């Protein structure tokens, strides 16, 4: 099956009942077809307290179809972390040009449970774990050499070798998760699925639902779906 012959479940018949199940399937197909080095890459947009937007490319590390959120990881003290603390909403966009597909998601964002963040952090290469300790992400850097000194100092504090650029040196020691680093959950309040069509008559379906906050999670109402003009 080539990208041009991928099935289009948006073109006819009843719309899919669960849009995040479609996203999950599309992610799998993007991986299987090797359409890009990081098929789970997404643009994540946030706003500060004054409504000024910023965006960057992140990696989606999980899709929870039920109850319905995406998981990504970041430095809580970075610009995006500060913006999420001030304005706890975000938008994400996935785009697979070779597969002629796009997904847009908007909704509130909360931090993931500590145990989940701990487990994911432990799965990362040990060099990346040291880097999380060494970097004050988004803050000014005096120089490249200062960054390398900070990395070496972090490695020494953690009892690890200084990471090499090839990332091949072995190390089996325990590196705990920094308190300023962990996971986020972007809860899907709206999901738009897009498939490119001939003569620019694209298929665009928009699912929306209400989310009721219950502590650190949300109780979702059923999805409502409409078709949009291309």
N, C-alpha and C. Protein backbone atom coordinates (compact mmCIF):
# COMPACT_ATOMS: atom_id res chain seq x y z
N UNK A 1 0.84 -1.19 0.00
CA UNK A 1 0.00 0.00 0.00
C UNK A 1 0.88 1.25 0.00
N UNK A 2 0.71 2.12 -0.99
CA UNK A 2 1.49 3.35 -1.08
C UNK A 2 0.74 4.48 -0.40
N UNK A 3 1.45 5.58 -0.05
CA UNK A 3 0.75 6.70 0.58
C UNK A 3 -0.44 7.20 -0.21
N UNK A 4 -0.35 7.21 -1.54
CA UNK A 4 -1.46 7.71 -2.35
C UNK A 4 -2.67 6.80 -2.30
N UNK A 5 -2.50 5.54 -1.88
CA UNK A 5 -3.64 4.63 -1.82
C UNK A 5 -4.06 4.33 -0.37
N UNK A 6 -3.60 5.17 0.56
CA UNK A 6 -4.00 4.98 1.95
C UNK A 6 -5.51 5.15 2.06
N UNK A 7 -6.18 4.37 2.91
CA UNK A 7 -7.63 4.51 3.05
C UNK A 7 -7.99 5.87 3.61
N UNK A 8 -9.11 6.43 3.15
CA UNK A 8 -9.60 7.72 3.62
C UNK A 8 -10.95 7.51 4.28
N UNK A 9 -10.92 7.35 5.59
CA UNK A 9 -12.17 7.10 6.33
C UNK A 9 -13.00 8.35 6.54
N UNK A 10 -12.54 9.50 6.01
CA UNK A 10 -13.28 10.74 6.18
C UNK A 10 -14.16 11.10 4.99
N UNK A 11 -13.99 10.39 3.86
CA UNK A 11 -14.62 10.85 2.62
C UNK A 11 -16.08 10.49 2.50
N UNK A 12 -16.50 9.37 3.06
CA UNK A 12 -17.89 8.94 2.86
C UNK A 12 -18.34 8.12 4.06
N UNK A 13 -19.65 7.94 4.16
CA UNK A 13 -20.19 7.14 5.24
C UNK A 13 -20.19 7.89 6.56
N UNK A 14 -20.50 7.19 7.64
CA UNK A 14 -20.56 7.79 8.96
C UNK A 14 -19.15 8.15 9.43
N UNK A 15 -18.96 9.32 10.05
CA UNK A 15 -17.63 9.68 10.55
C UNK A 15 -17.17 8.71 11.62
N UNK A 16 -15.88 8.51 11.76
CA UNK A 16 -15.38 7.66 12.85
C UNK A 16 -15.89 8.17 14.19
N UNK A 17 -16.22 7.26 15.08
CA UNK A 17 -16.77 7.65 16.38
C UNK A 17 -15.73 8.26 17.29
N UNK A 18 -14.47 7.86 17.15
CA UNK A 18 -13.42 8.30 18.08
C UNK A 18 -12.23 8.86 17.29
N UNK A 19 -12.08 10.19 17.24
CA UNK A 19 -11.02 10.77 16.42
C UNK A 19 -9.61 10.42 16.89
N UNK A 20 -9.40 10.25 18.19
CA UNK A 20 -8.06 9.91 18.66
C UNK A 20 -7.67 8.49 18.28
N UNK A 21 -8.64 7.62 18.06
CA UNK A 21 -8.32 6.29 17.54
C UNK A 21 -7.79 6.40 16.11
N UNK A 22 -8.33 7.35 15.34
CA UNK A 22 -7.81 7.58 13.99
C UNK A 22 -6.40 8.13 14.07
N UNK A 23 -6.16 9.11 14.97
CA UNK A 23 -4.80 9.63 15.15
C UNK A 23 -3.83 8.51 15.51
N UNK A 24 -4.20 7.65 16.42
CA UNK A 24 -3.34 6.54 16.82
C UNK A 24 -3.01 5.66 15.62
N UNK A 25 -4.00 5.38 14.79
CA UNK A 25 -3.79 4.55 13.61
C UNK A 25 -2.90 5.27 12.59
N UNK A 26 -3.13 6.55 12.40
CA UNK A 26 -2.32 7.32 11.46
C UNK A 26 -0.86 7.39 11.91
N UNK A 27 -0.64 7.53 13.21
CA UNK A 27 0.73 7.52 13.73
C UNK A 27 1.42 6.20 13.42
N UNK A 28 0.70 5.11 13.62
CA UNK A 28 1.27 3.79 13.34
C UNK A 28 1.61 3.65 11.86
N UNK A 29 0.72 4.11 10.99
CA UNK A 29 0.97 4.02 9.56
C UNK A 29 2.14 4.90 9.14
N UNK A 30 2.27 6.09 9.76
CA UNK A 30 3.40 6.97 9.45
C UNK A 30 4.72 6.31 9.86
N UNK A 31 4.72 5.62 11.02
CA UNK A 31 5.93 4.89 11.43
C UNK A 31 6.24 3.76 10.45
N UNK A 32 5.21 2.98 10.12
CA UNK A 32 5.42 1.81 9.26
C UNK A 32 5.90 2.21 7.86
N UNK A 33 5.42 3.34 7.36
CA UNK A 33 5.82 3.80 6.03
C UNK A 33 7.11 4.61 6.05
N UNK A 34 7.64 4.89 7.27
CA UNK A 34 8.89 5.63 7.41
C UNK A 34 8.85 6.93 6.61
N UNK A 35 7.78 7.69 6.78
CA UNK A 35 7.60 8.88 5.98
C UNK A 35 8.49 10.03 6.41
N UNK A 36 9.01 9.99 7.64
CA UNK A 36 9.90 11.03 8.14
C UNK A 36 10.64 10.48 9.35
N UNK A 37 11.77 11.08 9.73
CA UNK A 37 12.57 10.53 10.83
C UNK A 37 11.80 10.45 12.15
N UNK A 38 10.96 11.43 12.42
CA UNK A 38 10.18 11.45 13.66
C UNK A 38 8.71 11.59 13.32
N UNK A 39 8.04 10.48 12.98
CA UNK A 39 6.63 10.58 12.58
C UNK A 39 5.71 11.04 13.69
N UNK A 40 6.19 11.00 14.95
CA UNK A 40 5.38 11.47 16.07
C UNK A 40 5.66 12.93 16.41
N UNK A 41 6.37 13.64 15.52
CA UNK A 41 6.63 15.06 15.75
C UNK A 41 5.35 15.86 15.61
N UNK A 42 5.18 16.84 16.50
CA UNK A 42 4.01 17.72 16.45
C UNK A 42 4.45 19.12 16.80
N UNK A 43 3.79 20.11 16.22
CA UNK A 43 4.00 21.49 16.61
C UNK A 43 3.09 21.77 17.80
N UNK A 44 3.69 22.23 18.90
CA UNK A 44 2.93 22.55 20.10
C UNK A 44 2.92 24.06 20.28
N UNK A 45 1.74 24.66 20.33
CA UNK A 45 1.59 26.10 20.50
C UNK A 45 1.03 26.40 21.88
N UNK A 46 1.63 27.39 22.53
CA UNK A 46 1.19 27.83 23.85
C UNK A 46 1.10 29.36 23.84
N UNK A 47 0.49 29.92 24.88
CA UNK A 47 0.40 31.38 25.03
C UNK A 47 0.80 31.77 26.44
N UNK A 48 1.38 32.96 26.57
CA UNK A 48 1.69 33.45 27.90
C UNK A 48 0.46 34.12 28.52
N UNK A 49 0.62 34.68 29.69
CA UNK A 49 -0.52 35.27 30.40
C UNK A 49 -1.12 36.45 29.65
N UNK A 50 -0.34 37.10 28.77
CA UNK A 50 -0.84 38.22 27.98
C UNK A 50 -1.39 37.78 26.62
N UNK A 51 -1.41 36.50 26.36
CA UNK A 51 -1.95 35.98 25.11
C UNK A 51 -0.98 35.97 23.95
N UNK A 52 0.32 36.17 24.21
CA UNK A 52 1.31 36.15 23.14
C UNK A 52 1.70 34.70 22.86
N UNK A 53 1.54 34.24 21.60
CA UNK A 53 1.76 32.83 21.30
C UNK A 53 3.22 32.49 21.02
N UNK A 54 3.56 31.24 21.20
CA UNK A 54 4.84 30.69 20.76
C UNK A 54 4.61 29.25 20.37
N UNK A 55 5.47 28.73 19.51
CA UNK A 55 5.31 27.36 19.03
C UNK A 55 6.67 26.73 18.85
N UNK A 56 6.69 25.39 18.97
CA UNK A 56 7.91 24.63 18.79
C UNK A 56 7.53 23.19 18.44
N UNK A 57 8.48 22.42 17.90
CA UNK A 57 8.23 21.03 17.56
C UNK A 57 8.57 20.15 18.76
N UNK A 58 7.62 19.30 19.13
CA UNK A 58 7.78 18.36 20.24
C UNK A 58 7.54 16.95 19.70
N UNK A 59 7.85 15.96 20.53
CA UNK A 59 7.53 14.58 20.19
C UNK A 59 6.37 14.10 21.05
N UNK A 60 5.33 13.62 20.41
CA UNK A 60 4.21 13.02 21.13
C UNK A 60 4.65 11.64 21.60
N UNK A 61 4.56 11.40 22.90
CA UNK A 61 5.03 10.14 23.46
C UNK A 61 3.90 9.19 23.84
N UNK A 62 2.68 9.55 23.50
CA UNK A 62 1.59 8.64 23.79
C UNK A 62 0.25 9.24 23.42
N UNK A 63 -0.66 8.40 22.96
CA UNK A 63 -2.04 8.79 22.69
C UNK A 63 -2.94 7.91 23.53
N UNK A 64 -3.65 8.50 24.46
CA UNK A 64 -4.62 7.77 25.26
C UNK A 64 -6.00 8.01 24.65
N UNK A 65 -6.46 7.03 23.87
CA UNK A 65 -7.73 7.20 23.16
C UNK A 65 -8.87 7.40 24.14
N UNK A 66 -8.89 6.62 25.19
CA UNK A 66 -9.87 6.77 26.27
C UNK A 66 -9.12 6.99 27.56
N UNK A 67 -9.35 8.10 28.24
CA UNK A 67 -10.39 9.11 28.07
C UNK A 67 -10.08 10.21 27.07
N UNK A 68 -8.83 10.28 26.55
CA UNK A 68 -8.60 11.19 25.44
C UNK A 68 -7.59 12.29 25.65
N UNK A 69 -6.30 11.95 25.65
CA UNK A 69 -5.27 12.98 25.78
C UNK A 69 -3.98 12.51 25.11
N UNK A 70 -3.10 13.49 24.82
CA UNK A 70 -1.76 13.23 24.32
C UNK A 70 -0.77 13.44 25.45
N UNK A 71 0.36 12.73 25.42
CA UNK A 71 1.40 12.90 26.41
C UNK A 71 2.67 13.39 25.74
N UNK A 72 3.30 14.40 26.34
CA UNK A 72 4.62 14.85 25.91
C UNK A 72 5.41 15.23 27.16
N UNK A 73 6.72 15.38 27.00
CA UNK A 73 7.60 15.63 28.14
C UNK A 73 8.44 16.87 27.88
N UNK A 74 8.73 17.60 28.98
CA UNK A 74 9.46 18.85 28.82
C UNK A 74 10.01 19.31 30.16
N UNK A 75 10.81 20.37 30.10
CA UNK A 75 11.31 21.05 31.29
C UNK A 75 10.21 21.99 31.78
N UNK A 76 9.78 21.81 33.02
CA UNK A 76 8.70 22.63 33.56
C UNK A 76 9.09 24.11 33.66
N UNK A 77 10.39 24.41 33.70
CA UNK A 77 10.86 25.78 33.84
C UNK A 77 11.21 26.43 32.50
N UNK A 78 11.02 25.71 31.40
CA UNK A 78 11.28 26.26 30.08
C UNK A 78 10.21 27.29 29.73
N UNK A 79 10.37 27.94 28.60
CA UNK A 79 9.35 28.92 28.20
C UNK A 79 7.97 28.27 28.07
N UNK A 80 7.92 27.12 27.41
CA UNK A 80 6.62 26.46 27.28
C UNK A 80 6.07 26.05 28.63
N UNK A 81 6.96 25.61 29.53
CA UNK A 81 6.50 25.24 30.87
C UNK A 81 5.93 26.42 31.62
N UNK A 82 6.60 27.57 31.52
CA UNK A 82 6.09 28.77 32.19
C UNK A 82 4.78 29.21 31.59
N UNK A 83 4.67 29.11 30.27
CA UNK A 83 3.42 29.51 29.62
C UNK A 83 2.28 28.57 29.98
N UNK A 84 2.56 27.28 30.07
CA UNK A 84 1.51 26.34 30.46
C UNK A 84 1.08 26.56 31.91
N UNK A 85 2.02 26.99 32.75
CA UNK A 85 1.67 27.29 34.14
C UNK A 85 0.79 28.53 34.22
N UNK A 86 1.03 29.50 33.32
CA UNK A 86 0.27 30.75 33.33
C UNK A 86 -1.04 30.65 32.57
N UNK A 87 -1.06 29.83 31.54
CA UNK A 87 -2.23 29.71 30.67
C UNK A 87 -2.31 28.25 30.25
N UNK A 88 -3.02 27.46 31.02
CA UNK A 88 -2.97 26.01 30.88
C UNK A 88 -3.74 25.43 29.72
N UNK A 89 -3.52 25.99 28.53
CA UNK A 89 -4.13 25.45 27.32
C UNK A 89 -3.07 25.40 26.23
N UNK A 90 -3.27 24.51 25.25
CA UNK A 90 -2.31 24.39 24.16
C UNK A 90 -3.02 23.86 22.92
N UNK A 91 -2.33 23.98 21.80
CA UNK A 91 -2.79 23.41 20.54
C UNK A 91 -1.64 22.63 19.93
N UNK A 92 -1.94 21.52 19.28
CA UNK A 92 -0.92 20.69 18.65
C UNK A 92 -1.32 20.38 17.21
N UNK A 93 -0.33 20.27 16.35
CA UNK A 93 -0.57 19.94 14.94
C UNK A 93 0.39 18.84 14.52
N UNK A 94 -0.15 17.77 13.96
CA UNK A 94 0.64 16.73 13.30
C UNK A 94 0.44 16.92 11.79
N UNK A 95 1.52 16.78 11.02
CA UNK A 95 1.39 16.87 9.57
C UNK A 95 2.30 15.85 8.92
N UNK A 96 1.71 14.97 8.12
CA UNK A 96 2.47 13.98 7.37
C UNK A 96 2.26 14.28 5.88
N UNK A 97 3.17 15.07 5.33
CA UNK A 97 3.00 15.54 3.96
C UNK A 97 2.94 14.38 2.98
N UNK A 98 3.78 13.35 3.18
CA UNK A 98 3.81 12.22 2.25
C UNK A 98 2.52 11.41 2.28
N UNK A 99 1.80 11.47 3.38
CA UNK A 99 0.54 10.73 3.51
C UNK A 99 -0.68 11.62 3.30
N UNK A 100 -0.45 12.92 3.06
CA UNK A 100 -1.54 13.86 2.75
C UNK A 100 -2.53 13.95 3.91
N UNK A 101 -2.00 13.99 5.12
CA UNK A 101 -2.86 14.00 6.31
C UNK A 101 -2.38 15.05 7.31
N UNK A 102 -3.32 15.55 8.08
CA UNK A 102 -3.01 16.48 9.16
C UNK A 102 -4.01 16.29 10.29
N UNK A 103 -3.54 16.53 11.52
CA UNK A 103 -4.40 16.46 12.70
C UNK A 103 -4.14 17.69 13.55
N UNK A 104 -5.21 18.34 13.98
CA UNK A 104 -5.12 19.49 14.89
C UNK A 104 -5.87 19.16 16.17
N UNK A 105 -5.26 19.47 17.32
CA UNK A 105 -5.86 19.17 18.62
C UNK A 105 -5.72 20.40 19.51
N UNK A 106 -6.78 20.73 20.25
CA UNK A 106 -6.75 21.83 21.20
C UNK A 106 -7.38 21.38 22.50
N UNK A 107 -6.89 21.97 23.60
CA UNK A 107 -7.50 21.65 24.89
C UNK A 107 -6.64 22.05 26.06
N UNK A 108 -7.10 21.76 27.26
CA UNK A 108 -6.34 22.08 28.48
C UNK A 108 -5.18 21.12 28.68
N UNK A 109 -4.18 21.59 29.42
CA UNK A 109 -2.97 20.80 29.68
C UNK A 109 -2.74 20.72 31.18
N UNK A 110 -2.45 19.51 31.67
CA UNK A 110 -2.09 19.31 33.08
C UNK A 110 -0.82 18.47 33.12
N UNK A 111 -0.11 18.52 34.24
CA UNK A 111 1.08 17.70 34.38
C UNK A 111 0.69 16.23 34.56
N UNK A 112 1.52 15.35 34.06
CA UNK A 112 1.30 13.91 34.20
C UNK A 112 1.65 13.47 35.62
N UNK A 113 1.13 12.34 36.07
CA UNK A 113 1.49 11.81 37.39
C UNK A 113 2.99 11.59 37.51
N UNK A 114 3.53 11.81 38.71
CA UNK A 114 4.97 11.68 38.94
C UNK A 114 5.49 10.30 38.56
N UNK A 115 4.73 9.25 38.90
CA UNK A 115 5.19 7.89 38.60
C UNK A 115 5.34 7.68 37.09
N UNK A 116 4.44 8.27 36.33
CA UNK A 116 4.52 8.15 34.87
C UNK A 116 5.75 8.88 34.34
N UNK A 117 6.01 10.08 34.88
CA UNK A 117 7.19 10.83 34.46
C UNK A 117 8.47 10.10 34.85
N UNK A 118 8.49 9.52 36.06
CA UNK A 118 9.67 8.77 36.50
C UNK A 118 9.96 7.61 35.57
N UNK A 119 8.92 6.88 35.19
CA UNK A 119 9.11 5.70 34.34
C UNK A 119 9.64 6.10 32.96
N UNK A 120 9.09 7.16 32.40
CA UNK A 120 9.57 7.57 31.09
C UNK A 120 11.00 8.10 31.17
N UNK A 121 11.29 8.89 32.20
CA UNK A 121 12.65 9.44 32.33
C UNK A 121 13.67 8.31 32.43
N UNK A 122 13.35 7.26 33.17
CA UNK A 122 14.26 6.12 33.32
C UNK A 122 14.50 5.39 32.01
N UNK A 123 13.58 5.53 31.05
CA UNK A 123 13.72 4.84 29.76
C UNK A 123 14.60 5.62 28.78
N UNK A 124 14.93 6.85 29.08
CA UNK A 124 15.71 7.68 28.16
C UNK A 124 17.19 7.28 28.20
N UNK A 125 17.94 7.55 27.14
CA UNK A 125 19.39 7.32 27.20
C UNK A 125 20.00 8.07 28.38
N UNK A 126 20.99 7.48 29.02
CA UNK A 126 21.54 8.10 30.22
C UNK A 126 22.15 9.46 29.93
N UNK A 127 22.66 9.65 28.71
CA UNK A 127 23.23 10.95 28.35
C UNK A 127 22.15 12.03 28.35
N UNK A 128 20.96 11.68 27.85
CA UNK A 128 19.86 12.65 27.83
C UNK A 128 19.37 12.95 29.24
N UNK A 129 19.44 11.96 30.12
CA UNK A 129 19.03 12.20 31.51
C UNK A 129 19.97 13.19 32.19
N UNK A 130 21.27 13.06 31.92
CA UNK A 130 22.21 14.03 32.49
C UNK A 130 21.96 15.41 31.89
N UNK A 131 21.69 15.45 30.60
CA UNK A 131 21.40 16.73 29.95
C UNK A 131 20.22 17.45 30.57
N UNK A 132 19.21 16.69 31.02
CA UNK A 132 18.05 17.30 31.66
C UNK A 132 18.44 17.99 32.96
N UNK A 133 19.43 17.44 33.67
CA UNK A 133 19.92 18.06 34.89
C UNK A 133 20.78 19.29 34.57
N UNK A 134 21.51 19.25 33.48
CA UNK A 134 22.50 20.29 33.18
C UNK A 134 21.89 21.55 32.58
N UNK A 135 20.78 21.42 31.86
CA UNK A 135 20.25 22.53 31.08
C UNK A 135 19.16 23.29 31.82
N UNK A 136 19.34 24.60 31.94
CA UNK A 136 18.26 25.49 32.39
C UNK A 136 17.55 25.96 31.13
N UNK A 137 16.70 25.11 30.59
CA UNK A 137 16.16 25.30 29.25
C UNK A 137 15.50 26.66 29.07
N UNK A 138 15.79 27.28 27.95
CA UNK A 138 15.24 28.58 27.52
C UNK A 138 15.93 29.77 28.18
N UNK A 139 16.82 29.54 29.14
CA UNK A 139 17.54 30.64 29.78
C UNK A 139 18.77 31.01 28.95
N UNK A 140 19.27 32.25 29.06
CA UNK A 140 20.46 32.64 28.31
C UNK A 140 21.67 31.77 28.68
N UNK A 141 22.50 31.51 27.68
CA UNK A 141 23.74 30.73 27.89
C UNK A 141 24.94 31.64 27.64
N UNK A 142 25.88 31.63 28.56
CA UNK A 142 27.05 32.49 28.42
C UNK A 142 27.87 32.11 27.20
N UNK A 143 27.99 30.81 26.94
CA UNK A 143 28.75 30.34 25.80
C UNK A 143 28.50 28.85 25.63
N UNK A 144 28.94 28.30 24.50
CA UNK A 144 28.86 26.87 24.29
C UNK A 144 29.73 26.14 25.31
N UNK A 145 30.89 26.71 25.61
CA UNK A 145 31.78 26.08 26.58
C UNK A 145 31.14 26.02 27.95
N UNK A 146 30.38 27.07 28.31
CA UNK A 146 29.70 27.08 29.60
C UNK A 146 28.68 25.95 29.67
N UNK A 147 28.01 25.68 28.56
CA UNK A 147 27.05 24.57 28.53
C UNK A 147 27.76 23.24 28.74
N UNK A 148 28.93 23.08 28.11
CA UNK A 148 29.67 21.83 28.25
C UNK A 148 30.21 21.67 29.68
N UNK A 149 30.60 22.78 30.30
CA UNK A 149 31.02 22.71 31.70
C UNK A 149 29.86 22.30 32.60
N UNK A 150 28.67 22.85 32.31
CA UNK A 150 27.49 22.49 33.11
C UNK A 150 27.16 21.01 32.96
N UNK A 151 27.33 20.48 31.74
CA UNK A 151 27.08 19.06 31.50
C UNK A 151 28.09 18.22 32.28
N UNK A 152 29.36 18.60 32.23
CA UNK A 152 30.38 17.85 32.95
C UNK A 152 30.15 17.92 34.46
N UNK A 153 29.74 19.08 34.96
CA UNK A 153 29.48 19.23 36.39
C UNK A 153 28.29 18.37 36.82
N UNK A 154 27.25 18.32 35.98
CA UNK A 154 26.09 17.49 36.30
C UNK A 154 26.48 16.02 36.31
N UNK A 155 27.29 15.60 35.36
CA UNK A 155 27.73 14.20 35.32
C UNK A 155 28.52 13.86 36.57
N UNK A 156 29.39 14.77 37.01
CA UNK A 156 30.18 14.51 38.21
C UNK A 156 29.28 14.39 39.45
N UNK A 157 28.29 15.27 39.57
CA UNK A 157 27.38 15.20 40.72
C UNK A 157 26.62 13.89 40.75
N UNK A 158 26.29 13.38 39.57
CA UNK A 158 25.48 12.16 39.46
C UNK A 158 26.34 10.90 39.43
N UNK A 159 27.66 11.05 39.53
CA UNK A 159 28.53 9.89 39.52
C UNK A 159 28.58 9.18 38.19
N UNK A 160 28.44 9.94 37.09
CA UNK A 160 28.42 9.35 35.75
C UNK A 160 29.57 9.91 34.93
N UNK A 161 29.95 9.22 33.86
CA UNK A 161 30.95 9.79 32.96
C UNK A 161 30.36 10.98 32.20
N UNK A 162 31.25 11.83 31.70
CA UNK A 162 30.77 12.94 30.88
C UNK A 162 30.25 12.36 29.57
N UNK A 163 29.02 12.70 29.15
CA UNK A 163 28.47 12.13 27.91
C UNK A 163 29.35 12.46 26.71
N UNK A 164 29.51 11.47 25.84
CA UNK A 164 30.26 11.69 24.61
C UNK A 164 29.29 12.00 23.49
N UNK A 165 29.77 12.65 22.46
CA UNK A 165 28.88 13.08 21.39
C UNK A 165 28.31 11.91 20.60
N UNK A 166 29.03 10.80 20.56
CA UNK A 166 28.51 9.63 19.85
C UNK A 166 27.46 8.90 20.66
N UNK A 167 27.34 9.22 21.96
CA UNK A 167 26.36 8.62 22.85
C UNK A 167 26.47 7.10 22.86
N UNK A 168 27.71 6.61 22.91
CA UNK A 168 27.93 5.16 22.91
C UNK A 168 28.52 4.65 24.23
N UNK A 169 29.02 5.55 25.07
CA UNK A 169 29.66 5.11 26.31
C UNK A 169 28.64 4.44 27.22
N UNK A 170 28.97 3.29 27.81
CA UNK A 170 28.00 2.59 28.67
C UNK A 170 27.97 3.22 30.07
N UNK A 171 26.80 3.18 30.69
CA UNK A 171 26.66 3.60 32.09
C UNK A 171 25.37 2.98 32.62
N UNK A 172 25.48 2.24 33.70
CA UNK A 172 24.32 1.53 34.24
C UNK A 172 23.84 2.12 35.56
N UNK A 173 24.40 3.25 35.96
CA UNK A 173 24.01 3.84 37.23
C UNK A 173 22.62 4.46 37.20
N UNK A 174 22.10 4.77 38.37
CA UNK A 174 20.77 5.36 38.50
C UNK A 174 20.89 6.88 38.40
N UNK A 175 20.11 7.47 37.54
CA UNK A 175 20.03 8.93 37.41
C UNK A 175 18.58 9.32 37.67
N UNK A 176 18.27 9.92 38.80
CA UNK A 176 16.88 10.24 39.12
C UNK A 176 16.34 11.36 38.23
N UNK A 177 15.04 11.46 38.16
CA UNK A 177 14.40 12.52 37.37
C UNK A 177 14.52 13.85 38.11
N UNK A 178 14.93 14.91 37.41
CA UNK A 178 14.97 16.22 38.05
C UNK A 178 13.55 16.69 38.40
N UNK A 179 13.38 17.42 39.49
CA UNK A 179 12.03 17.88 39.86
C UNK A 179 11.45 18.87 38.86
N UNK A 180 12.31 19.47 38.03
CA UNK A 180 11.83 20.47 37.06
C UNK A 180 11.54 19.85 35.69
N UNK A 181 11.49 18.54 35.60
CA UNK A 181 11.31 17.88 34.30
C UNK A 181 10.26 16.80 34.44
N UNK A 182 9.35 16.70 33.45
CA UNK A 182 8.34 15.65 33.51
C UNK A 182 7.33 15.74 32.39
N UNK A 183 6.23 15.03 32.58
CA UNK A 183 5.25 14.89 31.53
C UNK A 183 4.10 15.86 31.62
N UNK A 184 3.45 16.04 30.48
CA UNK A 184 2.23 16.82 30.37
C UNK A 184 1.19 15.99 29.63
N UNK A 185 -0.06 16.26 29.95
CA UNK A 185 -1.17 15.67 29.20
C UNK A 185 -1.99 16.77 28.56
N UNK A 186 -2.07 16.73 27.24
CA UNK A 186 -2.94 17.64 26.49
C UNK A 186 -4.26 16.94 26.26
N UNK A 187 -5.27 17.38 26.97
CA UNK A 187 -6.60 16.78 26.85
C UNK A 187 -7.31 17.33 25.62
N UNK A 188 -7.83 16.43 24.81
CA UNK A 188 -8.45 16.82 23.55
C UNK A 188 -9.86 17.35 23.79
N UNK A 189 -10.02 18.65 23.59
CA UNK A 189 -11.33 19.29 23.64
C UNK A 189 -11.90 19.43 22.23
N UNK A 190 -10.99 19.55 21.26
CA UNK A 190 -11.38 19.54 19.86
C UNK A 190 -10.30 18.81 19.06
N UNK A 191 -10.72 18.08 18.05
CA UNK A 191 -9.81 17.35 17.16
C UNK A 191 -10.29 17.56 15.73
N UNK A 192 -9.40 18.03 14.88
CA UNK A 192 -9.73 18.15 13.47
C UNK A 192 -8.85 17.21 12.66
N UNK A 193 -9.45 16.35 11.87
CA UNK A 193 -8.75 15.46 10.97
C UNK A 193 -8.89 15.99 9.55
N UNK A 194 -7.78 15.97 8.83
CA UNK A 194 -7.74 16.54 7.47
C UNK A 194 -7.06 15.54 6.54
N UNK A 195 -7.67 15.33 5.37
CA UNK A 195 -7.07 14.49 4.32
C UNK A 195 -7.13 15.28 3.02
N UNK A 196 -5.99 15.36 2.34
CA UNK A 196 -5.92 16.13 1.10
C UNK A 196 -6.81 15.51 0.03
N UNK A 197 -7.52 16.38 -0.72
CA UNK A 197 -8.40 15.92 -1.79
C UNK A 197 -8.05 16.55 -3.12
N UNK A 198 -8.59 15.98 -4.18
CA UNK A 198 -8.36 16.51 -5.52
C UNK A 198 -9.01 17.89 -5.65
N UNK A 199 -8.41 18.75 -6.49
CA UNK A 199 -8.92 20.09 -6.73
C UNK A 199 -9.07 20.90 -5.44
N UNK A 200 -8.26 20.56 -4.43
CA UNK A 200 -8.27 21.22 -3.14
C UNK A 200 -9.60 21.07 -2.40
N UNK A 201 -10.38 20.08 -2.77
CA UNK A 201 -11.59 19.76 -2.01
C UNK A 201 -11.19 18.72 -0.97
N UNK A 202 -10.59 19.23 0.10
CA UNK A 202 -10.07 18.36 1.14
C UNK A 202 -11.21 17.88 2.05
N UNK A 203 -10.94 16.77 2.73
CA UNK A 203 -11.85 16.30 3.77
C UNK A 203 -11.41 16.86 5.11
N UNK A 204 -12.30 17.59 5.77
CA UNK A 204 -12.02 18.18 7.09
C UNK A 204 -13.19 17.86 8.01
N UNK A 205 -12.94 17.10 9.05
CA UNK A 205 -13.95 16.79 10.05
C UNK A 205 -13.48 17.30 11.40
N UNK A 206 -14.39 17.95 12.13
CA UNK A 206 -14.06 18.54 13.42
C UNK A 206 -14.92 17.90 14.51
N UNK A 207 -14.23 17.32 15.50
CA UNK A 207 -14.89 16.76 16.67
C UNK A 207 -14.70 17.72 17.84
N UNK A 208 -15.75 17.99 18.59
CA UNK A 208 -15.64 18.81 19.80
C UNK A 208 -16.40 18.13 20.93
N UNK A 209 -16.00 18.45 22.17
CA UNK A 209 -16.67 17.91 23.34
C UNK A 209 -16.39 18.83 24.53
N UNK A 210 -17.19 18.72 25.55
CA UNK A 210 -16.98 19.48 26.77
C UNK A 210 -16.21 18.61 27.77
N UNK A 211 -15.25 19.24 28.44
CA UNK A 211 -14.47 18.57 29.47
C UNK A 211 -14.78 19.23 30.81
N UNK A 212 -15.13 18.42 31.80
CA UNK A 212 -15.38 18.92 33.15
C UNK A 212 -14.21 18.54 34.04
N UNK A 213 -13.55 19.55 34.63
CA UNK A 213 -12.39 19.30 35.47
C UNK A 213 -12.79 18.59 36.75
N UNK A 214 -12.05 17.53 37.09
CA UNK A 214 -12.23 16.81 38.35
C UNK A 214 -10.85 16.59 38.94
N UNK A 215 -10.36 17.58 39.70
CA UNK A 215 -9.01 17.50 40.23
C UNK A 215 -7.99 17.69 39.12
N UNK A 216 -7.07 16.73 38.98
CA UNK A 216 -6.02 16.80 37.97
C UNK A 216 -6.40 16.09 36.69
N UNK A 217 -7.66 15.73 36.55
CA UNK A 217 -8.10 15.05 35.34
C UNK A 217 -9.39 15.70 34.86
N UNK A 218 -10.01 15.10 33.84
CA UNK A 218 -11.23 15.66 33.26
C UNK A 218 -12.22 14.55 32.99
N UNK A 219 -13.48 14.90 33.07
CA UNK A 219 -14.57 13.99 32.71
C UNK A 219 -15.13 14.46 31.37
N UNK A 220 -14.94 13.67 30.30
CA UNK A 220 -15.38 14.13 28.98
C UNK A 220 -16.83 13.77 28.67
N UNK A 221 -17.49 14.67 27.96
CA UNK A 221 -18.80 14.37 27.39
C UNK A 221 -18.61 13.74 26.01
N UNK A 222 -19.66 13.18 25.41
CA UNK A 222 -19.52 12.55 24.10
C UNK A 222 -19.07 13.54 23.03
N UNK A 223 -18.39 13.01 22.02
CA UNK A 223 -17.95 13.84 20.90
C UNK A 223 -19.14 14.27 20.03
N UNK A 224 -19.04 15.47 19.50
CA UNK A 224 -19.93 15.95 18.43
C UNK A 224 -19.05 16.23 17.21
N UNK A 225 -19.53 15.88 16.03
CA UNK A 225 -18.69 16.00 14.84
C UNK A 225 -19.44 16.74 13.75
N UNK A 226 -18.73 17.61 13.03
CA UNK A 226 -19.27 18.30 11.86
C UNK A 226 -18.21 18.25 10.75
N UNK A 227 -18.67 18.40 9.52
CA UNK A 227 -17.76 18.50 8.39
C UNK A 227 -17.54 19.98 8.08
N UNK A 228 -16.28 20.34 7.77
CA UNK A 228 -15.93 21.72 7.49
C UNK A 228 -15.64 21.90 6.01
N UNK A 229 -15.90 23.11 5.52
CA UNK A 229 -15.49 23.47 4.15
C UNK A 229 -13.96 23.41 4.07
N UNK A 230 -13.43 22.99 2.92
CA UNK A 230 -11.98 22.91 2.80
C UNK A 230 -11.32 24.27 2.66
